């Protein structure tokens, strides 16, 4: 998981379009299982969520191809802040409603000890919750899926949209 802070909706969309274009033409690297990018609701950035079979597969791709992707985007959108990669493992998912599509995703970072309580409650509009732990087991990232903005109530989370332009 990683975040790119672009500052504006226009810069976020330009970066997203450049990433999508490159992903569409590139060969899928060995070991990559899934790759998603989401637009922040406030327009200030992108959230990347990628699943790999192993850290070694991800590192091999990063060494060989990441700079080409980033260089192209940085040419179009200079000055993107990239706070860094957060490596996690999916520990548990709770699915409340698998029939309706998720339109919003909330991402919360917290101490691992507090994470279980963030995964289990049900709320109107909450479709699913996914608990990820860092390799040291100290920190957690909880990603929740929601039906729409009216259903959300988590003010401590960073919100992202799952539109056709935001989800790959």
Foldseek 3Di string as FASTA:
>chain_A
DWKKFQQALVLALLLLVLLVVVVVPDDDFPFWDDWWKWAFPRNGIIDIDTGGNDPVSVVVCCVPPVVVSVVVSCVVRPDIDIPDDADWDWDDKDFDAPPADFFKKWKAKDFLVPVVVVFPDDFVFWGMKIWIAGPVRGMIIIMTTGRDPVRDDDPRTTMTGDDPSGTD
